[in-house]
Amino acid sequence: MKFANWPLWGASMLLAIHSNSALAHDPVFGIGPHVLFKNGMEAAAEVYRKKTGEKTESELGLEVTYGITGEWAAGIKVPYAFKDNGMDVSRGLTDIQAFTKYRFWREDSLGLQESAAIMLAINGENGNEKANPALGNGATDIITGITWGYESIKWYRWASIRYALPGKNTAGFQMGDKWKIDFVGGWRPTPPEYKKPDTVWLLELNGEITDKAELNGNTLSNSGGTEWFISPGIFWTTRNFAIKSGIQIPVSSDMNGTQNKSDYRFKATFEWHL
């Protein structure tokens, strides 16, 4: 591409970002500052699977998001889980999540957008510990976070941090507080063309730092710890449809007690912007 065409290319990219919300990208495992346009709707189906020792967990989540304003979005996620701990198998609806995100800062320039947002999510008590202990902790959990994003024609960067405060269930059990830290880079190998398929390759560094759980005020020694993952992924969009997928590969684990380390985690999300 000739240098003289760069301004036109950059303007076209900026128009594409603003005109088609499906071109706005977020990481696979981390979070980004992307929100919907005012009165916009997004329907998504998410497939998630993880393996830790002999335990496997698969989940299908159905999610709907609504753009309250051009800077504020909210939605709900309904997950159905299948869990196998090596001895017993459980399946059914797990904790329903309500979430919201507010983009409090945004700066646009030719072919470039930087922005930042805060988020809040609440996990309900749908997975009741009496009805099915494997499908939820029977408590209301609160998750807060902040994220920053840099989106240009060729390169992407994201950084985010989230904090999860678990509730205590009726049996006196409480999961440990958790911090999630994410650093993500993205690369678009081919210049985007408006209304044509677009591909961005992603590489994430995801960290989880979890305190020990408690039962009736007593600390559980075989709980909590720190894990870090390298996560390659892809974000592919065409018109109002998007697919993003990735796999988390553990690179560092320091788990308390006799816990198994994570083997892998996989996620794929199918989005439709209305």
Protein backbone atom coordinates (compact mmCIF):
# COMPACT_ATOMS: atom_id res chain seq x y z
CA MET A 1 0.00 0.00 0.00
CA LYS A 2 1.38 3.39 -0.96
CA PHE A 3 1.94 5.94 1.78
CA ALA A 4 -0.39 8.38 0.04
CA ASN A 5 -3.28 5.95 0.55
CA TRP A 6 -2.79 5.64 4.30
CA PRO A 7 -5.11 8.54 5.25
CA LEU A 8 -7.91 7.06 3.13
CA TRP A 9 -7.28 3.61 4.58
CA GLY A 10 -7.29 4.95 8.11
CA ALA A 11 -10.50 6.88 7.53
CA SER A 12 -12.14 3.77 6.08
CA MET A 13 -11.10 1.75 9.11
CA LEU A 14 -12.45 4.36 11.51
CA LEU A 15 -15.74 4.42 9.61
CA ALA A 16 -15.93 0.64 9.74
CA ILE A 17 -15.34 0.58 13.50
CA HIS A 18 -18.01 3.19 14.13
CA SER A 19 -20.57 1.92 11.61
CA ASN A 20 -20.47 -1.81 12.33
CA SER A 21 -20.37 -2.83 15.98
CA ALA A 22 -19.35 -6.36 15.02
CA LEU A 23 -15.92 -4.96 14.13
CA ALA A 24 -15.35 -3.77 17.70
CA HIS A 25 -13.22 -6.41 19.39
CA ASP A 26 -12.81 -7.73 22.92
CA PRO A 27 -10.43 -10.48 24.12
CA VAL A 28 -11.51 -14.10 24.48
CA PHE A 29 -10.68 -14.66 28.17
CA GLY A 30 -10.02 -11.14 29.38
CA ILE A 31 -12.38 -8.19 29.10
CA GLY A 32 -12.24 -5.10 26.90
CA PRO A 33 -13.94 -1.67 26.95
CA HIS A 34 -16.25 -2.39 23.97
CA VAL A 35 -19.92 -1.46 24.51
CA LEU A 36 -22.90 -1.50 22.15
CA PHE A 37 -24.37 1.50 20.40
CA LYS A 38 -27.53 3.04 21.90
CA ASN A 39 -30.51 0.65 21.66
CA GLY A 40 -28.25 -1.99 20.12
CA MET A 41 -28.78 -5.68 20.90
CA GLU A 42 -26.31 -8.52 20.99
CA ALA A 43 -27.17 -12.22 21.30
CA ALA A 44 -24.35 -14.65 22.01
CA ALA A 45 -23.79 -18.35 22.64
CA GLU A 46 -20.66 -19.33 24.54
CA VAL A 47 -19.09 -22.79 24.76
CA TYR A 48 -16.61 -23.32 27.59
CA ARG A 49 -14.67 -26.39 28.69
CA LYS A 50 -11.93 -26.96 31.24
CA LYS A 51 -10.03 -29.97 32.58
CA THR A 52 -8.28 -30.22 35.93
CA GLY A 53 -6.90 -33.65 36.76
CA GLU A 54 -9.81 -36.10 36.52
CA LYS A 55 -12.39 -33.30 36.66
CA THR A 56 -13.93 -31.87 33.51
CA GLU A 57 -16.48 -29.12 33.17
CA SER A 58 -18.38 -28.05 30.07
CA GLU A 59 -20.75 -25.10 29.89
CA LEU A 60 -23.09 -23.57 27.34
CA GLY A 61 -24.03 -19.98 28.08
CA LEU A 62 -26.73 -17.94 26.33
CA GLU A 63 -26.25 -14.20 26.67
CA VAL A 64 -28.22 -11.08 25.71
CA THR A 65 -26.77 -7.54 25.93
CA TYR A 66 -28.53 -4.21 25.41
CA GLY A 67 -26.99 -0.81 24.70
CA ILE A 68 -28.63 1.58 27.18
CA THR A 69 -26.59 4.48 25.78
CA GLY A 70 -23.61 4.67 23.47
CA GLU A 71 -21.34 4.27 26.52
CA TRP A 72 -23.35 1.98 28.79
CA ALA A 73 -24.51 -1.60 28.21
CA ALA A 74 -26.11 -4.27 30.39
CA GLY A 75 -27.21 -7.85 29.97
CA ILE A 76 -27.86 -11.29 31.40
CA LYS A 77 -26.20 -14.68 30.92
CA VAL A 78 -27.92 -18.03 31.50
CA PRO A 79 -25.43 -20.96 31.69
CA TYR A 80 -26.09 -24.70 31.49
CA ALA A 81 -23.26 -26.83 32.89
CA PHE A 82 -22.10 -30.43 32.63
CA LYS A 83 -19.61 -31.43 35.35
CA ASP A 84 -17.76 -34.72 35.84
CA ASN A 85 -15.50 -35.05 38.89
CA GLY A 86 -14.34 -38.56 38.02
CA MET A 87 -16.95 -40.20 40.25
CA ASP A 88 -20.21 -38.33 39.78
CA VAL A 89 -21.76 -36.42 36.88
CA SER A 90 -23.97 -33.35 37.35
CA ARG A 91 -25.81 -31.31 34.76
CA GLY A 92 -28.25 -28.42 34.79
CA LEU A 93 -28.61 -24.66 35.05
CA THR A 94 -25.92 -22.98 37.11
CA ASP A 95 -25.57 -19.44 38.49
CA ILE A 96 -27.31 -16.85 36.30
CA GLN A 97 -25.26 -13.68 35.84
CA ALA A 98 -26.44 -10.09 35.40
CA PHE A 99 -23.74 -7.69 34.19
CA THR A 100 -23.13 -4.12 33.09
CA LYS A 101 -20.26 -2.14 31.59
CA TYR A 102 -19.74 1.62 31.35
CA ARG A 103 -17.16 3.19 29.03
CA PHE A 104 -16.02 6.32 30.87
CA TRP A 105 -13.26 7.41 28.47
CA ARG A 106 -12.78 7.26 24.70
CA GLU A 107 -10.43 9.02 22.30
CA ASP A 108 -10.57 8.64 18.51
CA SER A 109 -7.98 9.56 15.92
CA LEU A 110 -7.31 8.50 12.34
CA GLY A 111 -7.50 4.70 12.29
CA LEU A 112 -7.13 4.48 16.09
CA GLN A 113 -9.40 4.27 19.11
CA GLU A 114 -8.40 4.15 22.77
CA SER A 115 -10.95 3.69 25.54
CA ALA A 116 -11.48 2.52 29.11
CA ALA A 117 -14.44 1.05 30.95
CA ILE A 118 -15.57 -0.30 34.31
CA MET A 119 -17.74 -3.38 34.78
CA LEU A 120 -19.94 -4.99 37.42
CA ALA A 121 -21.42 -8.49 37.43
CA ILE A 122 -23.56 -10.38 39.94
CA ASN A 123 -23.79 -14.17 39.99
CA GLY A 124 -27.08 -15.31 41.49
CA GLU A 125 -27.92 -18.35 43.62
CA ASN A 126 -29.45 -20.48 40.88
CA GLY A 127 -27.00 -23.34 41.50
CA ASN A 128 -28.46 -24.15 44.93
CA GLU A 129 -26.10 -26.21 47.09
CA LYS A 130 -28.97 -28.30 48.49
CA ALA A 131 -30.51 -29.18 45.14
CA ASN A 132 -27.22 -29.89 43.38
CA PRO A 133 -23.95 -29.02 45.15
CA ALA A 134 -21.86 -29.37 41.98
CA LEU A 135 -23.69 -26.69 40.00
CA GLY A 136 -23.12 -23.64 42.17
CA ASN A 137 -21.97 -22.47 45.58
CA GLY A 138 -25.45 -21.37 46.65
CA ALA A 139 -24.35 -17.78 47.26
CA THR A 140 -24.45 -14.43 45.50
CA ASP A 141 -21.05 -13.38 44.11
CA ILE A 142 -20.04 -9.85 43.06
CA ILE A 143 -17.43 -9.14 40.38
CA THR A 144 -15.99 -5.70 39.60
CA GLY A 145 -13.31 -4.67 37.13
CA ILE A 146 -11.66 -2.03 34.98
CA THR A 147 -10.29 -2.37 31.46
CA TRP A 148 -8.35 -0.36 28.88
CA GLY A 149 -8.12 -0.97 25.13
CA TYR A 150 -6.10 0.24 22.14
CA GLU A 151 -7.50 -0.59 18.70
CA SER A 152 -5.67 0.43 15.53
CA ILE A 153 -5.70 -0.74 11.94
CA LYS A 154 -3.09 -3.43 12.53
CA TRP A 155 -2.42 -3.75 16.27
CA TYR A 156 -4.53 -4.22 19.40
CA ARG A 157 -3.70 -4.00 23.08
CA TRP A 158 -5.87 -4.63 26.16
CA ALA A 159 -5.25 -4.70 29.89
CA SER A 160 -7.77 -5.47 32.62
CA ILE A 161 -8.11 -6.39 36.25
CA ARG A 162 -11.13 -7.97 37.96
CA TYR A 163 -11.96 -8.74 41.57
CA ALA A 164 -14.49 -11.39 42.62
CA LEU A 165 -16.05 -11.26 46.09
CA PRO A 166 -17.89 -14.53 46.78
CA GLY A 167 -20.84 -14.77 49.11
CA LYS A 168 -21.39 -17.31 51.89
CA ASN A 169 -24.00 -20.03 51.45
CA THR A 170 -26.40 -21.43 54.03
CA ALA A 171 -23.95 -24.22 54.92
CA GLY A 172 -21.32 -21.65 55.93
CA PHE A 173 -19.10 -22.24 52.90
CA GLN A 174 -17.43 -19.31 51.17
CA MET A 175 -15.10 -19.41 48.18
CA GLY A 176 -11.89 -17.39 48.37
CA ASP A 177 -11.65 -13.88 46.96
CA LYS A 178 -10.21 -13.91 43.44
CA TRP A 179 -8.18 -11.47 41.33
CA LYS A 180 -8.01 -11.86 37.54
CA ILE A 181 -5.29 -10.00 35.62
CA ASP A 182 -5.16 -9.94 31.82
CA PHE A 183 -2.71 -8.56 29.25
CA VAL A 184 -3.64 -9.08 25.59
CA GLY A 185 -2.13 -8.29 22.21
CA GLY A 186 -3.82 -8.58 18.82
CA TRP A 187 -2.58 -8.50 15.22
CA ARG A 188 -4.58 -8.05 12.03
CA PRO A 189 -2.56 -9.62 9.16
CA THR A 190 -4.72 -8.20 6.35
CA PRO A 191 -6.03 -4.63 6.07
CA PRO A 192 -9.78 -4.52 6.81
CA GLU A 193 -12.35 -3.82 4.14
CA TYR A 194 -15.76 -2.52 5.10
CA LYS A 195 -18.48 -5.23 5.06
CA LYS A 196 -15.92 -7.96 4.29
CA PRO A 197 -14.68 -10.69 6.69
CA ASP A 198 -12.03 -9.52 9.13
CA THR A 199 -9.55 -11.63 11.14
CA VAL A 200 -7.52 -10.66 14.23
CA TRP A 201 -5.10 -13.08 15.91
CA LEU A 202 -4.82 -12.77 19.69
CA LEU A 203 -2.31 -13.72 22.39
CA GLU A 204 -3.33 -13.34 26.03
CA LEU A 205 -1.55 -13.63 29.36
CA ASN A 206 -4.18 -14.46 32.00
CA GLY A 207 -3.50 -14.65 35.72
CA GLU A 208 -5.74 -15.83 38.57
CA ILE A 209 -4.89 -15.23 42.23
CA THR A 210 -7.35 -16.90 44.62
CA ASP A 211 -7.51 -16.81 48.43
CA LYS A 212 -8.31 -19.92 50.42
CA ALA A 213 -11.93 -20.89 50.92
CA GLU A 214 -13.60 -21.01 54.33
CA LEU A 215 -16.16 -23.29 55.97
CA ASN A 216 -17.85 -21.90 59.07
CA GLY A 217 -14.92 -19.57 59.64
CA ASN A 218 -12.26 -22.29 59.22
CA THR A 219 -9.75 -21.96 56.38
CA LEU A 220 -9.60 -24.89 53.96
CA SER A 221 -5.96 -25.75 53.27
CA ASN A 222 -6.62 -27.46 49.91
CA SER A 223 -8.04 -24.37 48.24
CA GLY A 224 -6.85 -21.21 46.57
CA GLY A 225 -3.59 -20.50 44.78
CA THR A 226 -2.15 -18.78 41.74
CA GLU A 227 -2.25 -19.79 38.07
CA TRP A 228 -1.01 -18.11 34.89
CA PHE A 229 -1.99 -19.03 31.34
CA ILE A 230 -0.77 -18.23 27.83
CA SER A 231 -3.82 -18.10 25.59
CA PRO A 232 -3.66 -17.97 21.78
CA GLY A 233 -6.93 -17.10 20.08
CA ILE A 234 -8.73 -15.65 17.08
CA PHE A 235 -11.47 -13.07 16.49
CA TRP A 236 -13.26 -13.37 13.12
CA THR A 237 -16.07 -11.07 12.04
CA THR A 238 -18.30 -10.66 9.03
CA ARG A 239 -21.13 -8.13 8.85
CA ASN A 240 -23.10 -8.47 12.13
CA PHE A 241 -21.72 -11.90 13.06
CA ALA A 242 -18.57 -12.63 15.05
CA ILE A 243 -16.72 -15.69 16.30
CA LYS A 244 -13.95 -15.59 18.87
CA SER A 245 -12.17 -18.60 20.27
CA GLY A 246 -9.06 -19.50 22.23
CA ILE A 247 -7.37 -22.01 24.51
CA GLN A 248 -5.70 -21.35 27.85
CA ILE A 249 -2.44 -23.22 28.35
CA PRO A 250 -1.07 -23.18 31.93
CA VAL A 251 2.50 -21.92 32.23
CA SER A 252 2.75 -21.41 36.00
CA SER A 253 0.79 -22.94 38.88
CA ASP A 254 1.18 -22.54 42.63
CA MET A 255 -1.85 -24.21 44.17
CA ASN A 256 -2.31 -24.65 47.92
CA GLY A 257 -2.33 -28.12 49.42
CA THR A 258 -2.99 -31.19 47.26
CA GLN A 259 -5.05 -29.57 44.48
CA ASN A 260 -4.57 -30.57 40.86
CA LYS A 261 -3.25 -28.00 38.41
CA SER A 262 -5.30 -26.95 35.39
CA ASP A 263 -4.70 -29.00 32.23
CA TYR A 264 -6.39 -26.62 29.77
CA ARG A 265 -9.38 -24.33 29.25
CA PHE A 266 -11.19 -23.71 25.96
CA LYS A 267 -13.74 -21.08 25.00
CA ALA A 268 -15.63 -20.22 21.82
CA THR A 269 -18.20 -17.43 21.52
CA PHE A 270 -20.66 -16.84 18.68
CA GLU A 271 -22.06 -13.29 18.59
CA TRP A 272 -24.87 -11.75 16.59
CA HIS A 273 -25.32 -7.97 16.65
CA LEU A 274 -28.86 -6.78 15.98
